[in-house]
């Protein structure tokens, strides 16, 4: 993370290169057929994209913040989340280290 933009995710070329396989797998989940294949065998599906064990572990653990720290695009993290039944508020709360109720309270909702 760029120290000049502390506490923000900056998607740079370096992050893009490091997280390429993870992001490529996530974008594939736009297809209903691919989502079905992913749900049927997550590990096998991800290995088909050449993902590392570290990348696979982040997805298996649903470590949304870890994926973003690794360099995954927030838009694609949300795509993975939606594919496994996690909502945007759940992903946001995890990345902020808060509960969903705390996220809503901070937003005045």
PDB file of N, CA and C in Angstrom:
ATOM      1  N   UNK A   1       0.845  -1.170   0.000  1.00  0.00           N
ATOM      2  CA  UNK A   1       0.000   0.000   0.000  1.00  0.00           C
ATOM      3  C   UNK A   1       0.892   1.235   0.000  1.00  0.00           C
ATOM      4  N   UNK A   2       0.529   2.226  -0.774  1.00  0.00           N
ATOM      5  CA  UNK A   2       1.267   3.479  -0.860  1.00  0.00           C
ATOM      6  C   UNK A   2       1.083   4.250   0.442  1.00  0.00           C
ATOM      7  N   UNK A   3       2.186   4.547   1.114  1.00  0.00           N
ATOM      8  CA  UNK A   3       2.117   5.236   2.409  1.00  0.00           C
ATOM      9  C   UNK A   3       1.490   6.617   2.269  1.00  0.00           C
ATOM     10  N   UNK A   4       1.558   7.223   1.097  1.00  0.00           N
ATOM     11  CA  UNK A   4       0.986   8.556   0.900  1.00  0.00           C
ATOM     12  C   UNK A   4      -0.539   8.524   0.905  1.00  0.00           C
ATOM     13  N   UNK A   5      -1.100   7.360   0.713  1.00  0.00           N
ATOM     14  CA  UNK A   5      -2.551   7.216   0.711  1.00  0.00           C
ATOM     15  C   UNK A   5      -2.893   6.148   1.744  1.00  0.00           C
ATOM     16  N   UNK A   6      -2.586   6.438   2.960  1.00  0.00           N
ATOM     17  CA  UNK A   6      -2.748   5.493   4.058  1.00  0.00           C
ATOM     18  C   UNK A   6      -4.211   5.100   4.236  1.00  0.00           C
ATOM     19  N   UNK A   7      -4.437   3.855   4.566  1.00  0.00           N
ATOM     20  CA  UNK A   7      -5.761   3.294   4.826  1.00  0.00           C
ATOM     21  C   UNK A   7      -6.666   3.271   3.605  1.00  0.00           C
ATOM     22  N   UNK A   8      -6.100   3.343   2.407  1.00  0.00           N
ATOM     23  CA  UNK A   8      -6.868   3.247   1.172  1.00  0.00           C
ATOM     24  C   UNK A   8      -6.213   2.200   0.281  1.00  0.00           C
ATOM     25  N   UNK A   9      -7.021   1.553  -0.534  1.00  0.00           N
ATOM     26  CA  UNK A   9      -6.473   0.583  -1.471  1.00  0.00           C
ATOM     27  C   UNK A   9      -6.172   1.287  -2.783  1.00  0.00           C
ATOM     28  N   UNK A  10      -4.925   1.161  -3.214  1.00  0.00           N
ATOM     29  CA  UNK A  10      -4.503   1.736  -4.482  1.00  0.00           C
ATOM     30  C   UNK A  10      -4.156   0.575  -5.395  1.00  0.00           C
ATOM     31  N   UNK A  11      -4.915   0.436  -6.459  1.00  0.00           N
ATOM     32  CA  UNK A  11      -4.725  -0.681  -7.380  1.00  0.00           C
ATOM     33  C   UNK A  11      -3.679  -0.275  -8.408  1.00  0.00           C
ATOM     34  N   UNK A  12      -2.441  -0.676  -8.161  1.00  0.00           N
ATOM     35  CA  UNK A  12      -1.319  -0.310  -9.023  1.00  0.00           C
ATOM     36  C   UNK A  12      -0.965  -1.457  -9.961  1.00  0.00           C
ATOM     37  N   UNK A  13      -0.041  -1.198 -10.845  1.00  0.00           N
ATOM     38  CA  UNK A  13       0.435  -2.236 -11.742  1.00  0.00           C
ATOM     39  C   UNK A  13       1.021  -3.418 -10.991  1.00  0.00           C
ATOM     40  N   UNK A  14       1.736  -3.135  -9.898  1.00  0.00           N
ATOM     41  CA  UNK A  14       2.338  -4.218  -9.106  1.00  0.00           C
ATOM     42  C   UNK A  14       1.260  -5.112  -8.497  1.00  0.00           C
ATOM     43  N   UNK A  15       0.207  -4.499  -7.932  1.00  0.00           N
ATOM     44  CA  UNK A  15      -0.881  -5.294  -7.357  1.00  0.00           C
ATOM     45  C   UNK A  15      -1.605  -6.075  -8.453  1.00  0.00           C
ATOM     46  N   UNK A  16      -1.785  -5.425  -9.592  1.00  0.00           N
ATOM     47  CA  UNK A  16      -2.449  -6.087 -10.707  1.00  0.00           C
ATOM     48  C   UNK A  16      -1.681  -7.324 -11.156  1.00  0.00           C
ATOM     49  N   UNK A  17      -0.375  -7.203 -11.252  1.00  0.00           N
ATOM     50  CA  UNK A  17       0.452  -8.344 -11.682  1.00  0.00           C
ATOM     51  C   UNK A  17       0.419  -9.461 -10.650  1.00  0.00           C
ATOM     52  N   UNK A  18       0.530  -9.105  -9.366  1.00  0.00           N
ATOM     53  CA  UNK A  18       0.555 -10.124  -8.314  1.00  0.00           C
ATOM     54  C   UNK A  18      -0.777 -10.863  -8.231  1.00  0.00           C
ATOM     55  N   UNK A  19      -1.871 -10.155  -8.401  1.00  0.00           N
ATOM     56  CA  UNK A  19      -3.194 -10.755  -8.200  1.00  0.00           C
ATOM     57  C   UNK A  19      -3.878 -11.141  -9.509  1.00  0.00           C
ATOM     58  N   UNK A  20      -3.120 -11.198 -10.584  1.00  0.00           N
ATOM     59  CA  UNK A  20      -3.701 -11.463 -11.906  1.00  0.00           C
ATOM     60  C   UNK A  20      -4.543 -12.735 -11.932  1.00  0.00           C
ATOM     61  N   UNK A  21      -4.011 -13.839 -11.425  1.00  0.00           N
ATOM     62  CA  UNK A  21      -4.737 -15.122 -11.485  1.00  0.00           C
ATOM     63  C   UNK A  21      -6.027 -15.057 -10.660  1.00  0.00           C
ATOM     64  N   UNK A  22      -5.945 -14.456  -9.494  1.00  0.00           N
ATOM     65  CA  UNK A  22      -7.118 -14.313  -8.637  1.00  0.00           C
ATOM     66  C   UNK A  22      -8.180 -13.463  -9.330  1.00  0.00           C
ATOM     67  N   UNK A  23      -7.775 -12.339  -9.893  1.00  0.00           N
ATOM     68  CA  UNK A  23      -8.719 -11.469 -10.586  1.00  0.00           C
ATOM     69  C   UNK A  23      -9.288 -12.138 -11.840  1.00  0.00           C
ATOM     70  N   UNK A  24      -8.450 -12.872 -12.558  1.00  0.00           N
ATOM     71  CA  UNK A  24      -8.918 -13.562 -13.766  1.00  0.00           C
ATOM     72  C   UNK A  24      -9.977 -14.604 -13.400  1.00  0.00           C
ATOM     73  N   UNK A  25      -9.744 -15.351 -12.333  1.00  0.00           N
ATOM     74  CA  UNK A  25     -10.723 -16.336 -11.889  1.00  0.00           C
ATOM     75  C   UNK A  25     -12.024 -15.636 -11.496  1.00  0.00           C
ATOM     76  N   UNK A  26     -11.898 -14.526 -10.770  1.00  0.00           N
ATOM     77  CA  UNK A  26     -13.091 -13.816 -10.303  1.00  0.00           C
ATOM     78  C   UNK A  26     -13.924 -13.296 -11.473  1.00  0.00           C
ATOM     79  N   UNK A  27     -13.277 -12.741 -12.477  1.00  0.00           N
ATOM     80  CA  UNK A  27     -14.031 -12.213 -13.618  1.00  0.00           C
ATOM     81  C   UNK A  27     -14.727 -13.338 -14.380  1.00  0.00           C
ATOM     82  N   UNK A  28     -14.186 -14.539 -14.319  1.00  0.00           N
ATOM     83  CA  UNK A  28     -14.827 -15.674 -14.995  1.00  0.00           C
ATOM     84  C   UNK A  28     -16.179 -15.996 -14.372  1.00  0.00           C
ATOM     85  N   UNK A  29     -16.396 -15.560 -13.133  1.00  0.00           N
ATOM     86  CA  UNK A  29     -17.633 -15.876 -12.427  1.00  0.00           C
ATOM     87  C   UNK A  29     -18.818 -15.054 -12.918  1.00  0.00           C
ATOM     88  N   UNK A  30     -18.611 -14.225 -13.941  1.00  0.00           N
ATOM     89  CA  UNK A  30     -19.740 -13.532 -14.557  1.00  0.00           C
ATOM     90  C   UNK A  30     -20.625 -14.503 -15.326  1.00  0.00           C
ATOM     91  N   UNK A  31     -20.073 -15.650 -15.669  1.00  0.00           N
ATOM     92  CA  UNK A  31     -20.827 -16.673 -16.403  1.00  0.00           C
ATOM     93  C   UNK A  31     -21.539 -17.618 -15.429  1.00  0.00           C
ATOM     94  N   UNK A  32     -22.852 -17.806 -15.596  1.00  0.00           N
ATOM     95  CA  UNK A  32     -23.572 -18.745 -14.723  1.00  0.00           C
ATOM     96  C   UNK A  32     -22.979 -20.153 -14.755  1.00  0.00           C
ATOM     97  N   UNK A  33     -22.528 -20.603 -15.923  1.00  0.00           N
ATOM     98  CA  UNK A  33     -21.931 -21.939 -16.021  1.00  0.00           C
ATOM     99  C   UNK A  33     -20.653 -22.015 -15.192  1.00  0.00           C
ATOM    100  N   UNK A  34     -19.844 -20.974 -15.249  1.00  0.00           N
ATOM    101  CA  UNK A  34     -18.612 -20.955 -14.455  1.00  0.00           C
ATOM    102  C   UNK A  34     -18.907 -20.891 -12.969  1.00  0.00           C
ATOM    103  N   UNK A  35     -19.933 -20.128 -12.579  1.00  0.00           N
ATOM    104  CA  UNK A  35     -20.298 -20.082 -11.157  1.00  0.00           C
ATOM    105  C   UNK A  35     -20.706 -21.468 -10.675  1.00  0.00           C
ATOM    106  N   UNK A  36     -21.437 -22.194 -11.486  1.00  0.00           N
ATOM    107  CA  UNK A  36     -21.850 -23.550 -11.111  1.00  0.00           C
ATOM    108  C   UNK A  36     -20.636 -24.454 -10.973  1.00  0.00           C
ATOM    109  N   UNK A  37     -19.700 -24.358 -11.902  1.00  0.00           N
ATOM    110  CA  UNK A  37     -18.476 -25.174 -11.827  1.00  0.00           C
ATOM    111  C   UNK A  37     -17.669 -24.798 -10.587  1.00  0.00           C
ATOM    112  N   UNK A  38     -17.585 -23.521 -10.290  1.00  0.00           N
ATOM    113  CA  UNK A  38     -16.867 -23.046  -9.107  1.00  0.00           C
ATOM    114  C   UNK A  38     -17.499 -23.602  -7.834  1.00  0.00           C
ATOM    115  N   UNK A  39     -18.813 -23.506  -7.726  1.00  0.00           N
ATOM    116  CA  UNK A  39     -19.510 -23.991  -6.534  1.00  0.00           C
ATOM    117  C   UNK A  39     -19.356 -25.500  -6.364  1.00  0.00           C
ATOM    118  N   UNK A  40     -19.295 -26.212  -7.468  1.00  0.00           N
ATOM    119  CA  UNK A  40     -19.184 -27.673  -7.411  1.00  0.00           C
ATOM    120  C   UNK A  40     -17.811 -28.132  -6.936  1.00  0.00           C
ATOM    121  N   UNK A  41     -16.765 -27.373  -7.251  1.00  0.00           N
ATOM    122  CA  UNK A  41     -15.395 -27.768  -6.888  1.00  0.00           C
ATOM    123  C   UNK A  41     -14.511 -26.522  -6.865  1.00  0.00           C
ATOM    124  N   UNK A  42     -14.620 -25.762  -5.786  1.00  0.00           N
ATOM    125  CA  UNK A  42     -13.890 -24.500  -5.708  1.00  0.00           C
ATOM    126  C   UNK A  42     -12.389 -24.681  -5.937  1.00  0.00           C
ATOM    127  N   UNK A  43     -11.792 -25.608  -5.219  1.00  0.00           N
ATOM    128  CA  UNK A  43     -10.346 -25.812  -5.328  1.00  0.00           C
ATOM    129  C   UNK A  43      -9.917 -26.190  -6.731  1.00  0.00           C
ATOM    130  N   UNK A  44     -10.618 -27.139  -7.317  1.00  0.00           N
ATOM    131  CA  UNK A  44     -10.296 -27.571  -8.672  1.00  0.00           C
ATOM    132  C   UNK A  44     -10.481 -26.452  -9.684  1.00  0.00           C
ATOM    133  N   UNK A  45     -11.549 -25.688  -9.512  1.00  0.00           N
ATOM    134  CA  UNK A  45     -11.817 -24.579 -10.417  1.00  0.00           C
ATOM    135  C   UNK A  45     -10.683 -23.553 -10.350  1.00  0.00           C
ATOM    136  N   UNK A  46     -10.271 -23.212  -9.138  1.00  0.00           N
ATOM    137  CA  UNK A  46      -9.216 -22.204  -8.975  1.00  0.00           C
ATOM    138  C   UNK A  46      -7.870 -22.724  -9.462  1.00  0.00           C
ATOM    139  N   UNK A  47      -7.588 -23.996  -9.228  1.00  0.00           N
ATOM    140  CA  UNK A  47      -6.329 -24.568  -9.731  1.00  0.00           C
ATOM    141  C   UNK A  47      -6.278 -24.525 -11.254  1.00  0.00           C
ATOM    142  N   UNK A  48      -7.441 -24.608 -11.894  1.00  0.00           N
ATOM    143  CA  UNK A  48      -7.519 -24.504 -13.343  1.00  0.00           C
ATOM    144  C   UNK A  48      -7.054 -23.147 -13.863  1.00  0.00           C
ATOM    145  N   UNK A  49      -7.033 -22.153 -13.004  1.00  0.00           N
ATOM    146  CA  UNK A  49      -6.532 -20.825 -13.364  1.00  0.00           C
ATOM    147  C   UNK A  49      -5.082 -20.645 -12.930  1.00  0.00           C
ATOM    148  N   UNK A  50      -4.481 -21.717 -12.413  1.00  0.00           N
ATOM    149  CA  UNK A  50      -3.089 -21.641 -11.983  1.00  0.00           C
ATOM    150  C   UNK A  50      -2.901 -20.857 -10.705  1.00  0.00           C
ATOM    151  N   UNK A  51      -3.964 -20.731  -9.914  1.00  0.00           N
ATOM    152  CA  UNK A  51      -3.865 -19.955  -8.673  1.00  0.00           C
ATOM    153  C   UNK A  51      -2.967 -20.660  -7.669  1.00  0.00           C
ATOM    154  N   UNK A  52      -2.242 -19.869  -6.913  1.00  0.00           N
ATOM    155  CA  UNK A  52      -1.355 -20.396  -5.877  1.00  0.00           C
ATOM    156  C   UNK A  52      -2.181 -20.879  -4.686  1.00  0.00           C
ATOM    157  N   UNK A  53      -1.558 -21.664  -3.838  1.00  0.00           N
ATOM    158  CA  UNK A  53      -2.246 -22.126  -2.622  1.00  0.00           C
ATOM    159  C   UNK A  53      -2.631 -20.933  -1.745  1.00  0.00           C
ATOM    160  N   UNK A  54      -1.799 -19.909  -1.701  1.00  0.00           N
ATOM    161  CA  UNK A  54      -2.125 -18.700  -0.925  1.00  0.00           C
ATOM    162  C   UNK A  54      -3.391 -18.039  -1.472  1.00  0.00           C
ATOM    163  N   UNK A  55      -3.490 -17.912  -2.786  1.00  0.00           N
ATOM    164  CA  UNK A  55      -4.662 -17.295  -3.395  1.00  0.00           C
ATOM    165  C   UNK A  55      -5.915 -18.132  -3.143  1.00  0.00           C
ATOM    166  N   UNK A  56      -5.778 -19.431  -3.308  1.00  0.00           N
ATOM    167  CA  UNK A  56      -6.908 -20.339  -3.067  1.00  0.00           C
ATOM    168  C   UNK A  56      -7.355 -20.243  -1.615  1.00  0.00           C
ATOM    169  N   UNK A  57      -6.409 -20.201  -0.708  1.00  0.00           N
ATOM    170  CA  UNK A  57      -6.722 -20.106   0.712  1.00  0.00           C
ATOM    171  C   UNK A  57      -7.504 -18.832   1.034  1.00  0.00           C
ATOM    172  N   UNK A  58      -7.128 -17.724   0.423  1.00  0.00           N
ATOM    173  CA  UNK A  58      -7.851 -16.469   0.658  1.00  0.00           C
ATOM    174  C   UNK A  58      -9.319 -16.612   0.264  1.00  0.00           C
ATOM    175  N   UNK A  59      -9.570 -17.258  -0.865  1.00  0.00           N
ATOM    176  CA  UNK A  59     -10.944 -17.434  -1.334  1.00  0.00           C
ATOM    177  C   UNK A  59     -11.686 -18.434  -0.453  1.00  0.00           C
ATOM    178  N   UNK A  60     -11.065 -19.557  -0.157  1.00  0.00           N
ATOM    179  CA  UNK A  60     -11.711 -20.593   0.652  1.00  0.00           C
ATOM    180  C   UNK A  60     -12.103 -20.048   2.025  1.00  0.00           C
ATOM    181  N   UNK A  61     -11.237 -19.232   2.612  1.00  0.00           N
ATOM    182  CA  UNK A  61     -11.533 -18.648   3.932  1.00  0.00           C
ATOM    183  C   UNK A  61     -12.453 -17.434   3.858  1.00  0.00           C
ATOM    184  N   UNK A  62     -12.793 -17.021   2.625  1.00  0.00           N
ATOM    185  CA  UNK A  62     -13.623 -15.836   2.430  1.00  0.00           C
ATOM    186  C   UNK A  62     -12.979 -14.630   3.118  1.00  0.00           C
ATOM    187  N   UNK A  63     -11.677 -14.537   2.920  1.00  0.00           N
ATOM    188  CA  UNK A  63     -10.895 -13.443   3.516  1.00  0.00           C
ATOM    189  C   UNK A  63     -10.905 -12.260   2.555  1.00  0.00           C
ATOM    190  N   UNK A  64     -12.000 -11.516   2.575  1.00  0.00           N
ATOM    191  CA  UNK A  64     -12.189 -10.403   1.643  1.00  0.00           C
ATOM    192  C   UNK A  64     -11.096  -9.352   1.800  1.00  0.00           C
ATOM    193  N   UNK A  65     -10.780  -9.004   3.027  1.00  0.00           N
ATOM    194  CA  UNK A  65      -9.724  -8.017   3.270  1.00  0.00           C
ATOM    195  C   UNK A  65      -8.374  -8.553   2.799  1.00  0.00           C
ATOM    196  N   UNK A  66      -8.119  -9.827   3.060  1.00  0.00           N
ATOM    197  CA  UNK A  66      -6.873 -10.430   2.613  1.00  0.00           C
ATOM    198  C   UNK A  66      -6.736 -10.413   1.103  1.00  0.00           C
ATOM    199  N   UNK A  67      -7.853 -10.654   0.397  1.00  0.00           N
ATOM    200  CA  UNK A  67      -7.818 -10.599  -1.066  1.00  0.00           C
ATOM    201  C   UNK A  67      -7.471  -9.193  -1.538  1.00  0.00           C
ATOM    202  N   UNK A  68      -8.065  -8.199  -0.899  1.00  0.00           N
ATOM    203  CA  UNK A  68      -7.782  -6.819  -1.290  1.00  0.00           C
ATOM    204  C   UNK A  68      -6.356  -6.428  -0.922  1.00  0.00           C
ATOM    205  N   UNK A  69      -5.889  -6.857   0.239  1.00  0.00           N
ATOM    206  CA  UNK A  69      -4.496  -6.600   0.617  1.00  0.00           C
ATOM    207  C   UNK A  69      -3.541  -7.241  -0.387  1.00  0.00           C
ATOM    208  N   UNK A  70      -3.939  -8.363  -0.934  1.00  0.00           N
ATOM    209  CA  UNK A  70      -3.135  -9.096  -1.907  1.00  0.00           C
ATOM    210  C   UNK A  70      -3.112  -8.391  -3.267  1.00  0.00           C
ATOM    211  N   UNK A  71      -4.129  -7.561  -3.499  1.00  0.00           N
ATOM    212  CA  UNK A  71      -4.183  -6.814  -4.748  1.00  0.00           C
ATOM    213  C   UNK A  71      -5.406  -7.070  -5.598  1.00  0.00           C
ATOM    214  N   UNK A  72      -6.344  -7.846  -5.087  1.00  0.00           N
ATOM    215  CA  UNK A  72      -7.556  -8.114  -5.856  1.00  0.00           C
ATOM    216  C   UNK A  72      -8.383  -6.843  -5.986  1.00  0.00           C
ATOM    217  N   UNK A  73      -9.004  -6.683  -7.131  1.00  0.00           N
ATOM    218  CA  UNK A  73      -9.900  -5.559  -7.372  1.00  0.00           C
ATOM    219  C   UNK A  73     -11.149  -5.711  -6.506  1.00  0.00           C
ATOM    220  N   UNK A  74     -11.575  -4.632  -5.871  1.00  0.00           N
ATOM    221  CA  UNK A  74     -12.773  -4.679  -5.034  1.00  0.00           C
ATOM    222  C   UNK A  74     -13.977  -5.159  -5.835  1.00  0.00           C
ATOM    223  N   UNK A  75     -14.064  -4.760  -7.097  1.00  0.00           N
ATOM    224  CA  UNK A  75     -15.191  -5.172  -7.924  1.00  0.00           C
ATOM    225  C   UNK A  75     -15.206  -6.683  -8.129  1.00  0.00           C
ATOM    226  N   UNK A  76     -14.024  -7.268  -8.212  1.00  0.00           N
ATOM    227  CA  UNK A  76     -13.944  -8.713  -8.423  1.00  0.00           C
ATOM    228  C   UNK A  76     -14.080  -9.472  -7.114  1.00  0.00           C
ATOM    229  N   UNK A  77     -13.660  -8.871  -6.007  1.00  0.00           N
ATOM    230  CA  UNK A  77     -13.901  -9.477  -4.692  1.00  0.00           C
ATOM    231  C   UNK A  77     -15.411  -9.587  -4.478  1.00  0.00           C
ATOM    232  N   UNK A  78     -16.128  -8.543  -4.864  1.00  0.00           N
ATOM    233  CA  UNK A  78     -17.586  -8.562  -4.737  1.00  0.00           C
ATOM    234  C   UNK A  78     -18.186  -9.652  -5.638  1.00  0.00           C
ATOM    235  N   UNK A  79     -17.599  -9.870  -6.802  1.00  0.00           N
ATOM    236  CA  UNK A  79     -18.075 -10.929  -7.709  1.00  0.00           C
ATOM    237  C   UNK A  79     -17.905 -12.307  -7.049  1.00  0.00           C
ATOM    238  N   UNK A  80     -16.768 -12.529  -6.404  1.00  0.00           N
ATOM    239  CA  UNK A  80     -16.560 -13.801  -5.697  1.00  0.00           C
ATOM    240  C   UNK A  80     -17.580 -13.915  -4.573  1.00  0.00           C
ATOM    241  N   UNK A  81     -17.733 -12.839  -3.805  1.00  0.00           N
ATOM    242  CA  UNK A  81     -18.682 -12.851  -2.700  1.00  0.00           C
ATOM    243  C   UNK A  81     -20.093 -13.197  -3.141  1.00  0.00           C
ATOM    244  N   UNK A  82     -20.543 -12.545  -4.196  1.00  0.00           N
ATOM    245  CA  UNK A  82     -21.882 -12.820  -4.706  1.00  0.00           C
ATOM    246  C   UNK A  82     -22.037 -14.252  -5.169  1.00  0.00           C
ATOM    247  N   UNK A  83     -20.972 -14.808  -5.690  1.00  0.00           N
ATOM    248  CA  UNK A  83     -21.013 -16.190  -6.182  1.00  0.00           C
ATOM    249  C   UNK A  83     -21.145 -17.207  -5.063  1.00  0.00           C
ATOM    250  N   UNK A  84     -20.735 -16.822  -3.862  1.00  0.00           N
ATOM    251  CA  UNK A  84     -20.809 -17.755  -2.729  1.00  0.00           C
ATOM    252  C   UNK A  84     -21.826 -17.306  -1.681  1.00  0.00           C
ATOM    253  N   UNK A  85     -22.669 -16.331  -2.058  1.00  0.00           N
ATOM    254  CA  UNK A  85     -23.772 -15.943  -1.182  1.00  0.00           C
ATOM    255  C   UNK A  85     -23.450 -14.904  -0.127  1.00  0.00           C
ATOM    256  N   UNK A  86     -22.385 -14.144  -0.313  1.00  0.00           N
ATOM    257  CA  UNK A  86     -22.062 -13.076   0.634  1.00  0.00           C
ATOM    258  C   UNK A  86     -22.479 -11.743   0.034  1.00  0.00           C
ATOM    259  N   UNK A  87     -23.090 -10.917   0.855  1.00  0.00           N
ATOM    260  CA  UNK A  87     -23.584  -9.625   0.389  1.00  0.00           C
ATOM    261  C   UNK A  87     -22.499  -8.558   0.482  1.00  0.00           C
ATOM    262  N   UNK A  88     -22.719  -7.464  -0.231  1.00  0.00           N
ATOM    263  CA  UNK A  88     -21.789  -6.338  -0.164  1.00  0.00           C
ATOM    264  C   UNK A  88     -21.627  -5.826   1.265  1.00  0.00           C
ATOM    265  N   UNK A  89     -22.707  -5.665   2.045  1.00  0.00           N
ATOM    266  CA  UNK A  89     -22.506  -5.235   3.435  1.00  0.00           C
ATOM    267  C   UNK A  89     -21.649  -6.204   4.264  1.00  0.00           C
ATOM    268  N   UNK A  90     -21.773  -7.501   4.010  1.00  0.00           N
ATOM    269  CA  UNK A  90     -20.946  -8.476   4.729  1.00  0.00           C
ATOM    270  C   UNK A  90     -19.477  -8.318   4.348  1.00  0.00           C
ATOM    271  N   UNK A  91     -19.221  -8.122   3.072  1.00  0.00           N
ATOM    272  CA  UNK A  91     -17.845  -7.948   2.609  1.00  0.00           C
ATOM    273  C   UNK A  91     -17.280  -6.649   3.160  1.00  0.00           C
ATOM    274  N   UNK A  92     -18.059  -5.580   3.112  1.00  0.00           N
ATOM    275  CA  UNK A  92     -17.612  -4.277   3.620  1.00  0.00           C
ATOM    276  C   UNK A  92     -17.309  -4.342   5.110  1.00  0.00           C
ATOM    277  N   UNK A  93     -18.159  -5.008   5.858  1.00  0.00           N
ATOM    278  CA  UNK A  93     -17.934  -5.082   7.305  1.00  0.00           C
ATOM    279  C   UNK A  93     -16.666  -5.862   7.611  1.00  0.00           C
ATOM    280  N   UNK A  94     -16.428  -6.942   6.880  1.00  0.00           N
ATOM    281  CA  UNK A  94     -15.215  -7.734   7.088  1.00  0.00           C
ATOM    282  C   UNK A  94     -13.970  -6.905   6.797  1.00  0.00           C
ATOM    283  N   UNK A  95     -13.979  -6.169   5.681  1.00  0.00           N
ATOM    284  CA  UNK A  95     -12.791  -5.394   5.319  1.00  0.00           C
ATOM    285  C   UNK A  95     -12.552  -4.244   6.287  1.00  0.00           C
ATOM    286  N   UNK A  96     -13.621  -3.755   6.918  1.00  0.00           N
ATOM    287  CA  UNK A  96     -13.487  -2.659   7.884  1.00  0.00           C
ATOM    288  C   UNK A  96     -13.248  -3.158   9.301  1.00  0.00           C
ATOM    289  N   UNK A  97     -13.361  -4.470   9.515  1.00  0.00           N
ATOM    290  CA  UNK A  97     -13.200  -5.011  10.860  1.00  0.00           C
ATOM    291  C   UNK A  97     -14.370  -4.675  11.766  1.00  0.00           C
ATOM    292  N   UNK A  98     -15.554  -4.549  11.178  1.00  0.00           N
ATOM    293  CA  UNK A  98     -16.759  -4.189  11.915  1.00  0.00           C
ATOM    294  C   UNK A  98     -17.841  -5.233  11.662  1.00  0.00           C
ATOM    295  N   UNK A  99     -18.903  -5.170  12.436  1.00  0.00           N
ATOM    296  CA  UNK A  99     -20.069  -5.990  12.152  1.00  0.00           C
ATOM    297  C   UNK A  99     -20.903  -5.266  11.094  1.00  0.00           C
ATOM    298  N   UNK A 100     -21.826  -5.983  10.487  1.00  0.00           N
ATOM    299  CA  UNK A 100     -22.714  -5.358   9.507  1.00  0.00           C
ATOM    300  C   UNK A 100     -23.509  -4.245  10.178  1.00  0.00           C
ATOM    301  N   UNK A 101     -23.991  -4.485  11.386  1.00  0.00           N
ATOM    302  CA  UNK A 101     -24.750  -3.461  12.114  1.00  0.00           C
ATOM    303  C   UNK A 101     -23.898  -2.210  12.349  1.00  0.00           C
ATOM    304  N   UNK A 102     -22.629  -2.393  12.669  1.00  0.00           N
ATOM    305  CA  UNK A 102     -21.749  -1.234  12.880  1.00  0.00           C
ATOM    306  C   UNK A 102     -21.524  -0.448  11.579  1.00  0.00           C
ATOM    307  N   UNK A 103     -21.424  -1.145  10.467  1.00  0.00           N
ATOM    308  CA  UNK A 103     -21.262  -0.476   9.171  1.00  0.00           C
ATOM    309  C   UNK A 103     -22.510   0.367   8.891  1.00  0.00           C
ATOM    310  N   UNK A 104     -23.689  -0.232   9.084  1.00  0.00           N
ATOM    311  CA  UNK A 104     -24.925   0.518   8.857  1.00  0.00           C
ATOM    312  C   UNK A 104     -25.014   1.708   9.800  1.00  0.00           C
ATOM    313  N   UNK A 105     -24.639   1.537  11.056  1.00  0.00           N
ATOM    314  CA  UNK A 105     -24.697   2.637  12.016  1.00  0.00           C
ATOM    315  C   UNK A 105     -23.774   3.780  11.608  1.00  0.00           C
ATOM    316  N   UNK A 106     -22.585   3.446  11.126  1.00  0.00           N
ATOM    317  CA  UNK A 106     -21.646   4.484  10.686  1.00  0.00           C
ATOM    318  C   UNK A 106     -22.196   5.266   9.501  1.00  0.00           C
ATOM    319  N   UNK A 107     -23.002   4.594   8.696  1.00  0.00           N
ATOM    320  CA  UNK A 107     -23.581   5.229   7.503  1.00  0.00           C
ATOM    321  C   UNK A 107     -24.915   5.913   7.825  1.00  0.00           C
ATOM    322  N   UNK A 108     -25.353   5.788   9.062  1.00  0.00           N
ATOM    323  CA  UNK A 108     -26.620   6.401   9.455  1.00  0.00           C
ATOM    324  C   UNK A 108     -27.833   5.677   8.881  1.00  0.00           C
ATOM    325  N   UNK A 109     -27.681   4.391   8.640  1.00  0.00           N
ATOM    326  CA  UNK A 109     -28.784   3.612   8.078  1.00  0.00           C
ATOM    327  C   UNK A 109     -29.503   2.805   9.141  1.00  0.00           C
TER     328      UNK A 109
END
